[in-house]
Structure formats: C-alpha cells, structure tokens
C-alpha cells in the first residue's frame, strides 16, 4: 500500500512509540527508548518494502545500546560495554552459524545477514531471557502473517517464500525494551 497513507500512519506509530517510551522510561532511559522506537520502525518499514535491513539503522541502534550501557553505569567505564557486547555475540553467532548451515544444506539463503545484525542489536539492548521471547514472538508473527496472507489470497503455502523478518523482529525489540523497562520500574530494580 503506497496510496499516500503510509507517511501519516508511520508518523502516528512513531509518535505513539516515542510517547510510550517517555512514559515508561524515566529520564534518559525514556529518551533511549524513544530513539529505539523510531529506529526499529524505520527498520521494519524498510524491510517490509525492500526485503533489506539497512546497516546504517542497525549500526545506529547498536551504537545507541552501547551509549546507553555506558550511561547506565558510568562508574565502571568500559566494563559497562562488556555485557551488551557479550549478549550481542551470544545472539548473533548462533544465528550466523544457522544461516551458513542452511545455505550449505539447501543451497539458498534462509536468513539474511541483516536479520543476524538486527538480532545482535536485540542482544545489545535486552536481557537474554527477553531476547529469546522476542525472537520467538517475531518468528511466530512472521509465520502467522504469511499463513494469513496466503489464506486470504487463496494461495498455497510455499517453503521457499521470502519473509521480511525484520518487519517483525524490529518492533518486537522495542516491545521487549518496553516490557523490561516497565518491569524494572514496577519492581524498583533492573531485571537480571
């Protein structure tokens, strides 16, 4: 759909994401979340249209995660960056391996490198338990949307269909941040 309604809809969604972030996250944390909301909306929109996740957007989101980590615990300096970097690696490396094995086994891509980089962003921002929930939710939503669209168009499901996974993963990353931030504020501490 590109009948002129895309821009106002995207702006409305971005404003809701920014507002929800500022309400949920106190002070600077809300600002980080607001920027994350806008970046993830841009990733989702670009992937939906082009089946491509721009490096500039994932790079900005990753850099923002590191800035946020350093700001949350400024007393420990560079050590504050270790956890987001370790989580990013713990999330991206298995997906990179899965991508390579699938390509070798099937002779075609099943997961794009942009999706792997976006998963690293997920790890940099979120606790590993939340990462698992976010990736599972994204996969289920992508499959569900594909199946519903195929049923609506009365077309059979194809194992070789392309799905813009970033369309589902990017907003789920922000929702994961929103949930973690809400939970941390409700309990008075950061989830472990």
Protein backbone atom coordinates (compact mmCIF):
# COMPACT_ATOMS: atom_id res chain seq x y z
CA UNK A 1 0.00 0.00 0.00
CA UNK A 2 1.51 3.30 -1.07
CA UNK A 3 -1.51 5.49 -1.64
CA UNK A 4 -0.29 8.43 0.43
CA UNK A 5 -1.47 7.00 3.75
CA UNK A 6 1.87 5.38 4.60
CA UNK A 7 3.64 8.53 5.83
CA UNK A 8 0.92 9.75 8.23
CA UNK A 9 0.45 6.21 9.55
CA UNK A 10 4.20 5.79 10.11
CA UNK A 11 4.39 9.20 11.81
CA UNK A 12 1.47 8.28 14.07
CA UNK A 13 3.07 4.97 15.03
CA UNK A 14 6.41 6.70 15.66
CA UNK A 15 4.76 9.29 17.88
CA UNK A 16 2.98 6.56 19.85
CA UNK A 17 6.28 4.72 20.28
CA UNK A 18 8.06 7.86 21.44
CA UNK A 19 5.26 8.75 23.85
CA UNK A 20 5.08 5.20 25.27
CA UNK A 21 8.87 5.21 25.72
CA UNK A 22 8.90 8.54 27.53
CA UNK A 23 6.04 7.48 29.81
CA UNK A 24 7.52 4.05 30.58
CA UNK A 25 11.18 5.03 30.96
CA UNK A 26 12.16 7.67 33.47
CA UNK A 27 14.58 10.37 32.33
CA UNK A 28 17.31 9.37 29.91
CA UNK A 29 16.07 5.77 29.68
CA UNK A 30 12.84 7.03 28.12
CA UNK A 31 14.83 9.02 25.56
CA UNK A 32 16.90 5.97 24.66
CA UNK A 33 13.68 4.01 24.22
CA UNK A 34 12.16 6.76 22.09
CA UNK A 35 15.15 6.69 19.74
CA UNK A 36 14.97 2.88 19.69
CA UNK A 37 11.27 3.05 18.78
CA UNK A 38 11.94 5.33 15.81
CA UNK A 39 14.92 3.27 14.61
CA UNK A 40 13.00 0.00 14.86
CA UNK A 41 10.04 1.49 12.99
CA UNK A 42 12.40 2.62 10.23
CA UNK A 43 13.97 -0.87 10.06
CA UNK A 44 10.54 -2.53 9.89
CA UNK A 45 9.27 -0.18 7.19
CA UNK A 46 12.39 -0.54 5.04
CA UNK A 47 12.45 -4.33 5.36
CA UNK A 48 8.74 -4.55 4.51
CA UNK A 49 9.28 -2.63 1.28
CA UNK A 50 12.73 -3.77 0.17
CA UNK A 51 13.44 -7.05 2.00
CA UNK A 52 16.61 -5.40 3.24
CA UNK A 53 17.71 -4.07 6.61
CA UNK A 54 20.00 -1.04 6.23
CA UNK A 55 23.34 -1.24 8.03
CA UNK A 56 23.00 2.44 8.97
CA UNK A 57 19.89 1.74 11.02
CA UNK A 58 21.20 -1.38 12.76
CA UNK A 59 24.53 0.37 13.35
CA UNK A 60 22.79 3.35 14.92
CA UNK A 61 20.66 1.10 17.14
CA UNK A 62 23.73 -0.89 18.19
CA UNK A 63 25.74 2.26 18.96
CA UNK A 64 22.80 3.62 20.94
CA UNK A 65 22.71 0.42 23.01
CA UNK A 66 26.39 0.86 23.87
CA UNK A 67 25.94 4.55 24.74
CA UNK A 68 23.00 3.59 26.93
CA UNK A 69 25.00 0.85 28.67
CA UNK A 70 27.88 3.24 29.39
CA UNK A 71 25.47 5.88 30.71
CA UNK A 72 23.60 3.44 32.98
CA UNK A 73 26.74 2.50 34.90
CA UNK A 74 29.29 5.27 34.27
CA UNK A 75 31.38 4.28 37.33
CA UNK A 76 32.78 1.14 35.70
CA UNK A 77 33.81 2.69 32.39
CA UNK A 78 34.43 0.31 29.50
CA UNK A 79 33.31 -2.68 31.55
CA UNK A 80 29.75 -1.42 31.13
CA UNK A 81 30.06 -2.28 27.43
CA UNK A 82 31.02 -5.91 28.04
CA UNK A 83 27.53 -7.22 28.82
CA UNK A 84 25.75 -5.75 25.79
CA UNK A 85 28.63 -6.86 23.56
CA UNK A 86 28.62 -10.37 25.05
CA UNK A 87 24.84 -10.68 24.69
CA UNK A 88 25.02 -9.39 21.10
CA UNK A 89 27.60 -12.04 20.28
CA UNK A 90 25.67 -14.74 22.11
CA UNK A 91 22.61 -13.96 19.99
CA UNK A 92 24.24 -13.25 16.62
CA UNK A 93 26.79 -16.06 16.45
CA UNK A 94 24.30 -18.97 16.62
CA UNK A 95 22.12 -17.26 14.01
CA UNK A 96 25.16 -16.67 11.80
CA UNK A 97 26.01 -20.36 12.11
CA UNK A 98 22.40 -21.30 11.33
CA UNK A 99 22.47 -19.02 8.29
CA UNK A 100 25.68 -20.63 6.99
CA UNK A 101 24.50 -24.20 7.66
CA UNK A 102 21.14 -23.59 5.98
CA UNK A 103 22.84 -22.05 2.94
CA UNK A 104 25.18 -25.05 2.70
CA UNK A 105 22.38 -27.59 3.21
CA UNK A 106 19.71 -26.02 0.97
CA UNK A 107 21.89 -24.06 -1.47
CA UNK A 108 19.99 -20.82 -0.82
CA UNK A 109 19.56 -18.26 1.92
CA UNK A 110 17.03 -18.84 4.65
CA UNK A 111 18.10 -15.98 6.89
CA UNK A 112 19.73 -12.76 5.78
CA UNK A 113 22.80 -11.14 7.27
CA UNK A 114 20.68 -8.08 8.06
CA UNK A 115 18.49 -10.29 10.27
CA UNK A 116 21.59 -11.55 12.08
CA UNK A 117 22.80 -7.98 12.64
CA UNK A 118 19.36 -6.99 13.90
CA UNK A 119 19.45 -9.94 16.29
CA UNK A 120 22.79 -8.59 17.59
CA UNK A 121 21.01 -5.29 18.25
CA UNK A 122 18.40 -7.27 20.15
CA UNK A 123 21.11 -8.82 22.30
CA UNK A 124 22.78 -5.47 22.92
CA UNK A 125 19.54 -3.97 24.18
CA UNK A 126 17.83 -6.80 26.02
CA UNK A 127 18.38 -9.46 28.66
CA UNK A 128 18.86 -12.94 27.15
CA UNK A 129 15.54 -14.22 28.50
CA UNK A 130 13.77 -11.32 26.81
CA UNK A 131 15.81 -11.92 23.62
CA UNK A 132 14.51 -15.49 23.44
CA UNK A 133 10.92 -14.32 23.88
CA UNK A 134 11.35 -11.53 21.31
CA UNK A 135 12.83 -13.83 18.65
CA UNK A 136 10.18 -16.48 19.25
CA UNK A 137 7.37 -13.91 19.11
CA UNK A 138 8.82 -12.44 15.90
CA UNK A 139 9.07 -15.85 14.22
CA UNK A 140 5.53 -16.81 15.19
CA UNK A 141 4.13 -13.48 14.00
CA UNK A 142 6.02 -13.72 10.69
CA UNK A 143 4.75 -17.25 10.04
CA UNK A 144 1.24 -16.30 11.14
CA UNK A 145 1.16 -13.23 8.91
CA UNK A 146 2.44 -15.26 5.96
CA UNK A 147 -0.14 -18.01 6.51
CA UNK A 148 -2.97 -15.50 6.94
CA UNK A 149 -1.95 -13.61 3.79
CA UNK A 150 -1.72 -16.84 1.79
CA UNK A 151 -5.15 -17.91 3.04
CA UNK A 152 -6.62 -14.50 2.22
CA UNK A 153 -5.23 -14.72 -1.31
CA UNK A 154 -6.18 -18.41 -1.54
CA UNK A 155 -2.61 -19.41 -2.35
CA UNK A 156 -0.78 -22.47 -1.08
CA UNK A 157 1.99 -22.08 1.47
CA UNK A 158 5.47 -22.32 -0.06
CA UNK A 159 8.56 -23.41 1.82
CA UNK A 160 10.65 -21.08 -0.36
CA UNK A 161 8.63 -17.91 0.33
CA UNK A 162 10.59 -14.80 1.33
CA UNK A 163 9.54 -13.18 4.58
CA UNK A 164 10.79 -9.78 5.73
CA UNK A 165 11.76 -10.99 9.22
CA UNK A 166 12.98 -7.53 10.24
CA UNK A 167 9.41 -6.29 9.84
CA UNK A 168 8.52 -8.45 12.84
CA UNK A 169 11.80 -8.53 14.79
CA UNK A 170 12.43 -4.77 14.89
CA UNK A 171 9.16 -3.77 16.61
CA UNK A 172 9.47 -6.78 18.92
CA UNK A 173 12.88 -5.50 20.07
CA UNK A 174 11.32 -2.21 21.09
CA UNK A 175 8.42 -4.04 22.77
CA UNK A 176 10.99 -6.14 24.65
CA UNK A 177 12.71 -2.95 25.83
CA UNK A 178 9.34 -1.50 26.82
CA UNK A 179 8.48 -4.62 28.83
CA UNK A 180 11.86 -4.76 30.56
CA UNK A 181 11.71 -1.06 31.41
CA UNK A 182 8.16 -1.29 32.73
CA UNK A 183 9.09 -4.34 34.79
CA UNK A 184 12.22 -2.67 36.20
CA UNK A 185 10.28 0.46 37.17
CA UNK A 186 7.44 -1.53 38.70
CA UNK A 187 9.78 -3.57 40.88
CA UNK A 188 12.25 -0.77 41.54
CA UNK A 189 15.22 -2.56 40.01
CA UNK A 190 16.65 -3.73 36.71
CA UNK A 191 15.81 -7.30 35.61
CA UNK A 192 18.83 -9.59 35.78
